PDB file of N, CA and C in Angstrom:
ATOM      1  N   MET A   1     -58.441  28.032 -84.448  1.00  0.00           N
ATOM      2  CA  MET A   1     -58.384  26.749 -83.783  1.00  0.00           C
ATOM      3  C   MET A   1     -58.164  25.655 -84.823  1.00  0.00           C
ATOM      4  N   LEU A   2     -57.263  24.756 -84.555  1.00  0.00           N
ATOM      5  CA  LEU A   2     -56.987  23.645 -85.447  1.00  0.00           C
ATOM      6  C   LEU A   2     -58.098  22.618 -85.388  1.00  0.00           C
ATOM      7  N   ARG A   3     -58.339  21.962 -86.509  1.00  0.00           N
ATOM      8  CA  ARG A   3     -59.323  20.877 -86.552  1.00  0.00           C
ATOM      9  C   ARG A   3     -58.906  19.828 -85.532  1.00  0.00           C
ATOM     10  N   GLY A   4     -59.817  19.441 -84.663  1.00  0.00           N
ATOM     11  CA  GLY A   4     -59.526  18.448 -83.639  1.00  0.00           C
ATOM     12  C   GLY A   4     -59.000  19.059 -82.351  1.00  0.00           C
ATOM     13  N   GLY A   5     -58.570  20.338 -82.400  1.00  0.00           N
ATOM     14  CA  GLY A   5     -58.071  20.994 -81.201  1.00  0.00           C
ATOM     15  C   GLY A   5     -59.211  21.500 -80.331  1.00  0.00           C
ATOM     16  N   LEU A   6     -58.947  21.613 -79.045  1.00  0.00           N
ATOM     17  CA  LEU A   6     -59.952  22.068 -78.091  1.00  0.00           C
ATOM     18  C   LEU A   6     -59.792  23.563 -77.874  1.00  0.00           C
ATOM     19  N   SER A   7     -60.887  24.302 -77.954  1.00  0.00           N
ATOM     20  CA  SER A   7     -60.840  25.753 -77.764  1.00  0.00           C
ATOM     21  C   SER A   7     -60.567  26.077 -76.299  1.00  0.00           C
ATOM     22  N   GLU A   8     -60.261  27.343 -76.048  1.00  0.00           N
ATOM     23  CA  GLU A   8     -60.154  27.778 -74.664  1.00  0.00           C
ATOM     24  C   GLU A   8     -61.560  27.857 -74.079  1.00  0.00           C
ATOM     25  N   THR A   9     -61.644  27.889 -72.756  1.00  0.00           N
ATOM     26  CA  THR A   9     -62.933  27.971 -72.076  1.00  0.00           C
ATOM     27  C   THR A   9     -63.514  29.370 -72.255  1.00  0.00           C
ATOM     28  N   LYS A  10     -64.796  29.412 -72.623  1.00  0.00           N
ATOM     29  CA  LYS A  10     -65.481  30.687 -72.857  1.00  0.00           C
ATOM     30  C   LYS A  10     -66.801  30.700 -72.092  1.00  0.00           C
ATOM     31  N   PRO A  11     -67.311  31.894 -71.758  1.00  0.00           N
ATOM     32  CA  PRO A  11     -68.637  31.974 -71.133  1.00  0.00           C
ATOM     33  C   PRO A  11     -69.699  31.454 -72.103  1.00  0.00           C
ATOM     34  N   ALA A  12     -70.703  30.799 -71.552  1.00  0.00           N
ATOM     35  CA  ALA A  12     -71.781  30.259 -72.385  1.00  0.00           C
ATOM     36  C   ALA A  12     -72.543  31.385 -73.072  1.00  0.00           C
ATOM     37  N   THR A  13     -72.999  31.108 -74.276  1.00  0.00           N
ATOM     38  CA  THR A  13     -73.773  32.050 -75.086  1.00  0.00           C
ATOM     39  C   THR A  13     -75.207  31.533 -75.197  1.00  0.00           C
ATOM     40  N   PRO A  14     -76.127  32.360 -75.700  1.00  0.00           N
ATOM     41  CA  PRO A  14     -77.488  31.854 -75.935  1.00  0.00           C
ATOM     42  C   PRO A  14     -77.508  30.626 -76.859  1.00  0.00           C
ATOM     43  N   GLU A  15     -76.590  30.578 -77.842  1.00  0.00           N
ATOM     44  CA  GLU A  15     -76.514  29.412 -78.746  1.00  0.00           C
ATOM     45  C   GLU A  15     -76.150  28.145 -77.957  1.00  0.00           C
ATOM     46  N   ILE A  16     -75.204  28.265 -77.035  1.00  0.00           N
ATOM     47  CA  ILE A  16     -74.799  27.118 -76.209  1.00  0.00           C
ATOM     48  C   ILE A  16     -75.949  26.699 -75.299  1.00  0.00           C
ATOM     49  N   GLN A  17     -76.671  27.671 -74.722  1.00  0.00           N
ATOM     50  CA  GLN A  17     -77.812  27.335 -73.871  1.00  0.00           C
ATOM     51  C   GLN A  17     -78.862  26.569 -74.671  1.00  0.00           C
ATOM     52  N   LYS A  18     -79.080  26.960 -75.919  1.00  0.00           N
ATOM     53  CA  LYS A  18     -80.054  26.270 -76.779  1.00  0.00           C
ATOM     54  C   LYS A  18     -79.639  24.811 -76.989  1.00  0.00           C
ATOM     55  N   ILE A  19     -78.345  24.575 -77.217  1.00  0.00           N
ATOM     56  CA  ILE A  19     -77.834  23.212 -77.406  1.00  0.00           C
ATOM     57  C   ILE A  19     -78.014  22.405 -76.121  1.00  0.00           C
ATOM     58  N   VAL A  20     -77.702  23.023 -74.981  1.00  0.00           N
ATOM     59  CA  VAL A  20     -77.857  22.357 -73.679  1.00  0.00           C
ATOM     60  C   VAL A  20     -79.329  22.022 -73.431  1.00  0.00           C
ATOM     61  N   ASP A  21     -80.225  22.959 -73.744  1.00  0.00           N
ATOM     62  CA  ASP A  21     -81.660  22.710 -73.578  1.00  0.00           C
ATOM     63  C   ASP A  21     -82.118  21.519 -74.419  1.00  0.00           C
ATOM     64  N   GLU A  22     -81.506  21.377 -75.594  1.00  0.00           N
ATOM     65  CA  GLU A  22     -81.880  20.289 -76.497  1.00  0.00           C
ATOM     66  C   GLU A  22     -81.516  18.908 -75.927  1.00  0.00           C
ATOM     67  N   VAL A  23     -80.419  18.827 -75.176  1.00  0.00           N
ATOM     68  CA  VAL A  23     -80.005  17.523 -74.622  1.00  0.00           C
ATOM     69  C   VAL A  23     -80.486  17.305 -73.186  1.00  0.00           C
ATOM     70  N   LYS A  24     -81.164  18.289 -72.609  1.00  0.00           N
ATOM     71  CA  LYS A  24     -81.656  18.151 -71.225  1.00  0.00           C
ATOM     72  C   LYS A  24     -82.498  16.882 -71.033  1.00  0.00           C
ATOM     73  N   PRO A  25     -83.440  16.562 -71.936  1.00  0.00           N
ATOM     74  CA  PRO A  25     -84.218  15.324 -71.746  1.00  0.00           C
ATOM     75  C   PRO A  25     -83.340  14.070 -71.740  1.00  0.00           C
ATOM     76  N   GLN A  26     -82.299  14.046 -72.569  1.00  0.00           N
ATOM     77  CA  GLN A  26     -81.382  12.900 -72.581  1.00  0.00           C
ATOM     78  C   GLN A  26     -80.643  12.793 -71.247  1.00  0.00           C
ATOM     79  N   PHE A  27     -80.204  13.941 -70.715  1.00  0.00           N
ATOM     80  CA  PHE A  27     -79.492  13.968 -69.435  1.00  0.00           C
ATOM     81  C   PHE A  27     -80.410  13.500 -68.308  1.00  0.00           C
ATOM     82  N   GLU A  28     -81.638  14.016 -68.291  1.00  0.00           N
ATOM     83  CA  GLU A  28     -82.590  13.627 -67.241  1.00  0.00           C
ATOM     84  C   GLU A  28     -82.911  12.137 -67.305  1.00  0.00           C
ATOM     85  N   GLU A  29     -83.009  11.600 -68.508  1.00  0.00           N
ATOM     86  CA  GLU A  29     -83.279  10.168 -68.654  1.00  0.00           C
ATOM     87  C   GLU A  29     -82.093   9.347 -68.140  1.00  0.00           C
ATOM     88  N   LYS A  30     -80.871   9.751 -68.483  1.00  0.00           N
ATOM     89  CA  LYS A  30     -79.685   8.995 -68.068  1.00  0.00           C
ATOM     90  C   LYS A  30     -79.438   9.081 -66.564  1.00  0.00           C
ATOM     91  N   THR A  31     -79.743  10.227 -65.965  1.00  0.00           N
ATOM     92  CA  THR A  31     -79.513  10.390 -64.523  1.00  0.00           C
ATOM     93  C   THR A  31     -80.736  10.019 -63.696  1.00  0.00           C
ATOM     94  N   ASN A  32     -81.866   9.798 -64.354  1.00  0.00           N
ATOM     95  CA  ASN A  32     -83.118   9.475 -63.691  1.00  0.00           C
ATOM     96  C   ASN A  32     -83.510  10.557 -62.683  1.00  0.00           C
ATOM     97  N   GLU A  33     -83.291  11.810 -63.078  1.00  0.00           N
ATOM     98  CA  GLU A  33     -83.606  12.984 -62.254  1.00  0.00           C
ATOM     99  C   GLU A  33     -84.290  14.032 -63.126  1.00  0.00           C
ATOM    100  N   LYS A  34     -84.988  14.969 -62.474  1.00  0.00           N
ATOM    101  CA  LYS A  34     -85.559  16.131 -63.161  1.00  0.00           C
ATOM    102  C   LYS A  34     -84.878  17.372 -62.599  1.00  0.00           C
ATOM    103  N   TYR A  35     -84.567  18.337 -63.448  1.00  0.00           N
ATOM    104  CA  TYR A  35     -83.850  19.535 -63.036  1.00  0.00           C
ATOM    105  C   TYR A  35     -84.632  20.784 -63.418  1.00  0.00           C
ATOM    106  N   ASP A  36     -84.932  21.620 -62.421  1.00  0.00           N
ATOM    107  CA  ASP A  36     -85.579  22.907 -62.682  1.00  0.00           C
ATOM    108  C   ASP A  36     -84.553  23.894 -63.231  1.00  0.00           C
ATOM    109  N   CYS A  37     -83.341  23.813 -62.690  1.00  0.00           N
ATOM    110  CA  CYS A  37     -82.249  24.666 -63.143  1.00  0.00           C
ATOM    111  C   CYS A  37     -81.362  23.843 -64.076  1.00  0.00           C
ATOM    112  N   PHE A  38     -81.054  24.368 -65.241  1.00  0.00           N
ATOM    113  CA  PHE A  38     -80.193  23.682 -66.216  1.00  0.00           C
ATOM    114  C   PHE A  38     -79.539  24.762 -67.061  1.00  0.00           C
ATOM    115  N   LYS A  39     -78.626  25.504 -66.420  1.00  0.00           N
ATOM    116  CA  LYS A  39     -78.053  26.707 -67.025  1.00  0.00           C
ATOM    117  C   LYS A  39     -76.604  26.487 -67.441  1.00  0.00           C
ATOM    118  N   ALA A  40     -76.340  26.683 -68.720  1.00  0.00           N
ATOM    119  CA  ALA A  40     -74.972  26.591 -69.243  1.00  0.00           C
ATOM    120  C   ALA A  40     -74.156  27.743 -68.668  1.00  0.00           C
ATOM    121  N   ILE A  41     -72.965  27.427 -68.121  1.00  0.00           N
ATOM    122  CA  ILE A  41     -72.104  28.431 -67.506  1.00  0.00           C
ATOM    123  C   ILE A  41     -70.930  28.778 -68.422  1.00  0.00           C
ATOM    124  N   GLU A  42     -70.204  27.765 -68.850  1.00  0.00           N
ATOM    125  CA  GLU A  42     -69.069  27.965 -69.748  1.00  0.00           C
ATOM    126  C   GLU A  42     -68.900  26.727 -70.610  1.00  0.00           C
ATOM    127  N   TYR A  43     -68.080  26.874 -71.655  1.00  0.00           N
ATOM    128  CA  TYR A  43     -67.939  25.752 -72.588  1.00  0.00           C
ATOM    129  C   TYR A  43     -66.599  25.803 -73.307  1.00  0.00           C
ATOM    130  N   ARG A  44     -66.279  24.678 -73.885  1.00  0.00           N
ATOM    131  CA  ARG A  44     -65.162  24.548 -74.826  1.00  0.00           C
ATOM    132  C   ARG A  44     -65.720  23.802 -76.020  1.00  0.00           C
ATOM    133  N   ARG A  45     -65.103  23.973 -77.163  1.00  0.00           N
ATOM    134  CA  ARG A  45     -65.584  23.256 -78.346  1.00  0.00           C
ATOM    135  C   ARG A  45     -64.419  22.641 -79.083  1.00  0.00           C
ATOM    136  N   GLN A  46     -64.737  21.586 -79.821  1.00  0.00           N
ATOM    137  CA  GLN A  46     -63.744  20.848 -80.597  1.00  0.00           C
ATOM    138  C   GLN A  46     -64.379  20.535 -81.944  1.00  0.00           C
ATOM    139  N   THR A  47     -63.713  20.953 -83.016  1.00  0.00           N
ATOM    140  CA  THR A  47     -64.222  20.683 -84.353  1.00  0.00           C
ATOM    141  C   THR A  47     -63.679  19.342 -84.819  1.00  0.00           C
ATOM    142  N   VAL A  48     -64.583  18.442 -85.108  1.00  0.00           N
ATOM    143  CA  VAL A  48     -64.257  17.108 -85.627  1.00  0.00           C
ATOM    144  C   VAL A  48     -65.146  16.914 -86.844  1.00  0.00           C
ATOM    145  N   GLN A  49     -65.671  15.737 -87.066  1.00  0.00           N
ATOM    146  CA  GLN A  49     -66.664  15.515 -88.122  1.00  0.00           C
ATOM    147  C   GLN A  49     -67.997  16.003 -87.545  1.00  0.00           C
ATOM    148  N   GLY A  50     -68.102  17.310 -87.363  1.00  0.00           N
ATOM    149  CA  GLY A  50     -69.172  17.952 -86.620  1.00  0.00           C
ATOM    150  C   GLY A  50     -68.489  18.742 -85.503  1.00  0.00           C
ATOM    151  N   THR A  51     -69.189  18.931 -84.390  1.00  0.00           N
ATOM    152  CA  THR A  51     -68.615  19.686 -83.277  1.00  0.00           C
ATOM    153  C   THR A  51     -68.916  18.990 -81.955  1.00  0.00           C
ATOM    154  N   ASN A  52     -67.887  18.867 -81.126  1.00  0.00           N
ATOM    155  CA  ASN A  52     -68.063  18.422 -79.744  1.00  0.00           C
ATOM    156  C   ASN A  52     -68.076  19.663 -78.866  1.00  0.00           C
ATOM    157  N   TYR A  53     -69.046  19.720 -77.967  1.00  0.00           N
ATOM    158  CA  TYR A  53     -69.110  20.791 -76.981  1.00  0.00           C
ATOM    159  C   TYR A  53     -68.907  20.166 -75.610  1.00  0.00           C
ATOM    160  N   TYR A  54     -68.098  20.815 -74.800  1.00  0.00           N
ATOM    161  CA  TYR A  54     -67.876  20.404 -73.416  1.00  0.00           C
ATOM    162  C   TYR A  54     -68.407  21.562 -72.582  1.00  0.00           C
ATOM    163  N   VAL A  55     -69.507  21.331 -71.862  1.00  0.00           N
ATOM    164  CA  VAL A  55     -70.238  22.422 -71.224  1.00  0.00           C
ATOM    165  C   VAL A  55     -70.402  22.173 -69.730  1.00  0.00           C
ATOM    166  N   LYS A  56     -70.092  23.212 -68.938  1.00  0.00           N
ATOM    167  CA  LYS A  56     -70.391  23.174 -67.505  1.00  0.00           C
ATOM    168  C   LYS A  56     -71.805  23.698 -67.332  1.00  0.00           C
ATOM    169  N   VAL A  57     -72.654  22.904 -66.649  1.00  0.00           N
ATOM    170  CA  VAL A  57     -74.055  23.253 -66.461  1.00  0.00           C
ATOM    171  C   VAL A  57     -74.363  23.327 -64.975  1.00  0.00           C
ATOM    172  N   HIS A  58     -75.025  24.429 -64.575  1.00  0.00           N
ATOM    173  CA  HIS A  58     -75.473  24.580 -63.189  1.00  0.00           C
ATOM    174  C   HIS A  58     -76.817  23.872 -63.043  1.00  0.00           C
ATOM    175  N   LEU A  59     -76.887  22.964 -62.061  1.00  0.00           N
ATOM    176  CA  LEU A  59     -78.103  22.174 -61.838  1.00  0.00           C
ATOM    177  C   LEU A  59     -78.922  22.695 -60.667  1.00  0.00           C
ATOM    178  N   GLY A  60     -78.472  23.781 -60.046  1.00  0.00           N
ATOM    179  CA  GLY A  60     -79.141  24.324 -58.873  1.00  0.00           C
ATOM    180  C   GLY A  60     -78.300  24.082 -57.627  1.00  0.00           C
ATOM    181  N   ASN A  61     -78.507  24.939 -56.628  1.00  0.00           N
ATOM    182  CA  ASN A  61     -77.729  24.886 -55.385  1.00  0.00           C
ATOM    183  C   ASN A  61     -76.240  24.852 -55.720  1.00  0.00           C
ATOM    184  N   ASP A  62     -75.507  23.899 -55.151  1.00  0.00           N
ATOM    185  CA  ASP A  62     -74.069  23.777 -55.416  1.00  0.00           C
ATOM    186  C   ASP A  62     -73.784  22.669 -56.416  1.00  0.00           C
ATOM    187  N   GLN A  63     -74.785  22.251 -57.176  1.00  0.00           N
ATOM    188  CA  GLN A  63     -74.617  21.120 -58.086  1.00  0.00           C
ATOM    189  C   GLN A  63     -74.303  21.593 -59.505  1.00  0.00           C
ATOM    190  N   TYR A  64     -73.261  20.948 -60.063  1.00  0.00           N
ATOM    191  CA  TYR A  64     -72.868  21.217 -61.440  1.00  0.00           C
ATOM    192  C   TYR A  64     -72.615  19.893 -62.138  1.00  0.00           C
ATOM    193  N   ALA A  65     -72.732  19.915 -63.447  1.00  0.00           N
ATOM    194  CA  ALA A  65     -72.408  18.741 -64.259  1.00  0.00           C
ATOM    195  C   ALA A  65     -71.609  19.214 -65.462  1.00  0.00           C
ATOM    196  N   HIS A  66     -70.802  18.335 -65.998  1.00  0.00           N
ATOM    197  CA  HIS A  66     -70.093  18.601 -67.249  1.00  0.00           C
ATOM    198  C   HIS A  66     -70.702  17.700 -68.313  1.00  0.00           C
ATOM    199  N   LEU A  67     -71.124  18.302 -69.397  1.00  0.00           N
ATOM    200  CA  LEU A  67     -71.753  17.560 -70.484  1.00  0.00           C
ATOM    201  C   LEU A  67     -70.845  17.555 -71.700  1.00  0.00           C
ATOM    202  N   GLU A  68     -70.770  16.417 -72.369  1.00  0.00           N
ATOM    203  CA  GLU A  68     -70.112  16.321 -73.665  1.00  0.00           C
ATOM    204  C   GLU A  68     -71.230  16.127 -74.687  1.00  0.00           C
ATOM    205  N   ILE A  69     -71.343  17.072 -75.594  1.00  0.00           N
ATOM    206  CA  ILE A  69     -72.448  17.088 -76.558  1.00  0.00           C
ATOM    207  C   ILE A  69     -71.867  17.055 -77.973  1.00  0.00           C
ATOM    208  N   TYR A  70     -72.409  16.178 -78.801  1.00  0.00           N
ATOM    209  CA  TYR A  70     -71.956  16.080 -80.188  1.00  0.00           C
ATOM    210  C   TYR A  70     -73.023  16.645 -81.114  1.00  0.00           C
ATOM    211  N   GLU A  71     -72.616  17.614 -81.930  1.00  0.00           N
ATOM    212  CA  GLU A  71     -73.509  18.187 -82.940  1.00  0.00           C
ATOM    213  C   GLU A  71     -72.981  17.782 -84.313  1.00  0.00           C
ATOM    214  N   PRO A  72     -73.687  16.868 -85.001  1.00  0.00           N
ATOM    215  CA  PRO A  72     -73.241  16.429 -86.327  1.00  0.00           C
ATOM    216  C   PRO A  72     -73.288  17.578 -87.339  1.00  0.00           C
ATOM    217  N   LEU A  73     -72.558  17.402 -88.430  1.00  0.00           N
ATOM    218  CA  LEU A  73     -72.626  18.369 -89.520  1.00  0.00           C
ATOM    219  C   LEU A  73     -74.062  18.440 -90.041  1.00  0.00           C
ATOM    220  N   PRO A  74     -74.512  19.631 -90.474  1.00  0.00           N
ATOM    221  CA  PRO A  74     -75.901  19.782 -90.934  1.00  0.00           C
ATOM    222  C   PRO A  74     -76.303  18.781 -92.020  1.00  0.00           C
ATOM    223  N   GLN A  75     -75.390  18.495 -92.958  1.00  0.00           N
ATOM    224  CA  GLN A  75     -75.743  17.586 -94.058  1.00  0.00           C
ATOM    225  C   GLN A  75     -75.939  16.140 -93.598  1.00  0.00           C
ATOM    226  N   MET A  76     -75.509  15.821 -92.373  1.00  0.00           N
ATOM    227  CA  MET A  76     -75.693  14.463 -91.855  1.00  0.00           C
ATOM    228  C   MET A  76     -77.145  14.228 -91.416  1.00  0.00           C
ATOM    229  N   ASN A  77     -77.878  15.337 -91.204  1.00  0.00           N
ATOM    230  CA  ASN A  77     -79.291  15.257 -90.853  1.00  0.00           C
ATOM    231  C   ASN A  77     -79.537  14.349 -89.640  1.00  0.00           C
ATOM    232  N   GLN A  78     -78.731  14.517 -88.590  1.00  0.00           N
ATOM    233  CA  GLN A  78     -78.861  13.744 -87.355  1.00  0.00           C
ATOM    234  C   GLN A  78     -79.046  14.697 -86.185  1.00  0.00           C
ATOM    235  N   PRO A  79     -79.680  14.236 -85.108  1.00  0.00           N
ATOM    236  CA  PRO A  79     -79.918  15.114 -83.956  1.00  0.00           C
ATOM    237  C   PRO A  79     -78.656  15.314 -83.109  1.00  0.00           C
ATOM    238  N   ILE A  80     -78.693  16.359 -82.319  1.00  0.00           N
ATOM    239  CA  ILE A  80     -77.642  16.605 -81.327  1.00  0.00           C
ATOM    240  C   ILE A  80     -77.734  15.509 -80.275  1.00  0.00           C
ATOM    241  N   GLU A  81     -76.572  15.051 -79.803  1.00  0.00           N
ATOM    242  CA  GLU A  81     -76.535  13.902 -78.898  1.00  0.00           C
ATOM    243  C   GLU A  81     -75.688  14.193 -77.662  1.00  0.00           C
ATOM    244  N   LEU A  82     -76.198  13.791 -76.510  1.00  0.00           N
ATOM    245  CA  LEU A  82     -75.415  13.836 -75.275  1.00  0.00           C
ATOM    246  C   LEU A  82     -74.496  12.622 -75.292  1.00  0.00           C
ATOM    247  N   SER A  83     -73.197  12.851 -75.538  1.00  0.00           N
ATOM    248  CA  SER A  83     -72.237  11.754 -75.671  1.00  0.00           C
ATOM    249  C   SER A  83     -71.792  11.207 -74.323  1.00  0.00           C
ATOM    250  N   ASN A  84     -71.620  12.113 -73.363  1.00  0.00           N
ATOM    251  CA  ASN A  84     -71.095  11.718 -72.061  1.00  0.00           C
ATOM    252  C   ASN A  84     -71.432  12.812 -71.058  1.00  0.00           C
ATOM    253  N   TYR A  85     -71.349  12.488 -69.785  1.00  0.00           N
ATOM    254  CA  TYR A  85     -71.576  13.498 -68.748  1.00  0.00           C
ATOM    255  C   TYR A  85     -70.884  13.077 -67.461  1.00  0.00           C
ATOM    256  N   GLN A  86     -70.624  14.068 -66.623  1.00  0.00           N
ATOM    257  CA  GLN A  86     -70.071  13.834 -65.296  1.00  0.00           C
ATOM    258  C   GLN A  86     -70.858  14.689 -64.318  1.00  0.00           C
ATOM    259  N   THR A  87     -71.377  14.076 -63.273  1.00  0.00           N
ATOM    260  CA  THR A  87     -72.077  14.811 -62.225  1.00  0.00           C
ATOM    261  C   THR A  87     -71.122  14.975 -61.042  1.00  0.00           C
ATOM    262  N   GLY A  88     -71.588  15.662 -60.006  1.00  0.00           N
ATOM    263  CA  GLY A  88     -70.759  15.849 -58.817  1.00  0.00           C
ATOM    264  C   GLY A  88     -69.656  16.871 -59.026  1.00  0.00           C
ATOM    265  N   LYS A  89     -69.816  17.755 -59.986  1.00  0.00           N
ATOM    266  CA  LYS A  89     -68.819  18.786 -60.264  1.00  0.00           C
ATOM    267  C   LYS A  89     -69.112  20.031 -59.425  1.00  0.00           C
ATOM    268  N   THR A  90     -68.110  20.888 -59.286  1.00  0.00           N
ATOM    269  CA  THR A  90     -68.278  22.137 -58.551  1.00  0.00           C
ATOM    270  C   THR A  90     -68.139  23.313 -59.510  1.00  0.00           C
ATOM    271  N   LYS A  91     -68.449  24.500 -59.005  1.00  0.00           N
ATOM    272  CA  LYS A  91     -68.335  25.712 -59.804  1.00  0.00           C
ATOM    273  C   LYS A  91     -66.893  25.927 -60.262  1.00  0.00           C
ATOM    274  N   GLU A  92     -65.936  25.504 -59.458  1.00  0.00           N
ATOM    275  CA  GLU A  92     -64.521  25.730 -59.763  1.00  0.00           C
ATOM    276  C   GLU A  92     -63.904  24.702 -60.714  1.00  0.00           C
ATOM    277  N   ASP A  93     -64.536  23.547 -60.897  1.00  0.00           N
ATOM    278  CA  ASP A  93     -63.962  22.498 -61.751  1.00  0.00           C
ATOM    279  C   ASP A  93     -63.831  22.978 -63.194  1.00  0.00           C
ATOM    280  N   GLU A  94     -62.669  22.703 -63.790  1.00  0.00           N
ATOM    281  CA  GLU A  94     -62.407  23.034 -65.188  1.00  0.00           C
ATOM    282  C   GLU A  94     -63.212  22.135 -66.121  1.00  0.00           C
ATOM    283  N   VAL A  95     -63.688  22.691 -67.212  1.00  0.00           N
ATOM    284  CA  VAL A  95     -64.399  21.915 -68.239  1.00  0.00           C
ATOM    285  C   VAL A  95     -63.352  21.229 -69.102  1.00  0.00           C
ATOM    286  N   GLU A  96     -63.388  19.909 -69.127  1.00  0.00           N
ATOM    287  CA  GLU A  96     -62.414  19.145 -69.929  1.00  0.00           C
ATOM    288  C   GLU A  96     -63.130  18.184 -70.841  1.00  0.00           C
TER     289      GLU A  96
END
């Protein structure tokens, strides 16, 4: 994958679920909701000055969200950040 290029969509891994779990409190604060279900389904990644992850997350029932998560380079010593999100997504919506 080229630097700055977006990977193909892949099934979520335990590593991706860990990243999603880390930003769950940020997502809940921004949406003013609490979620019992917060399961990463699939993702794409983009290597920049760190890594951007674009993740489809199942919120329970027929509810899905797309999260944009930024993971800084380790030497930057900064936390993972929820950069953006979209709610109202379906299981069929492509992660972009």
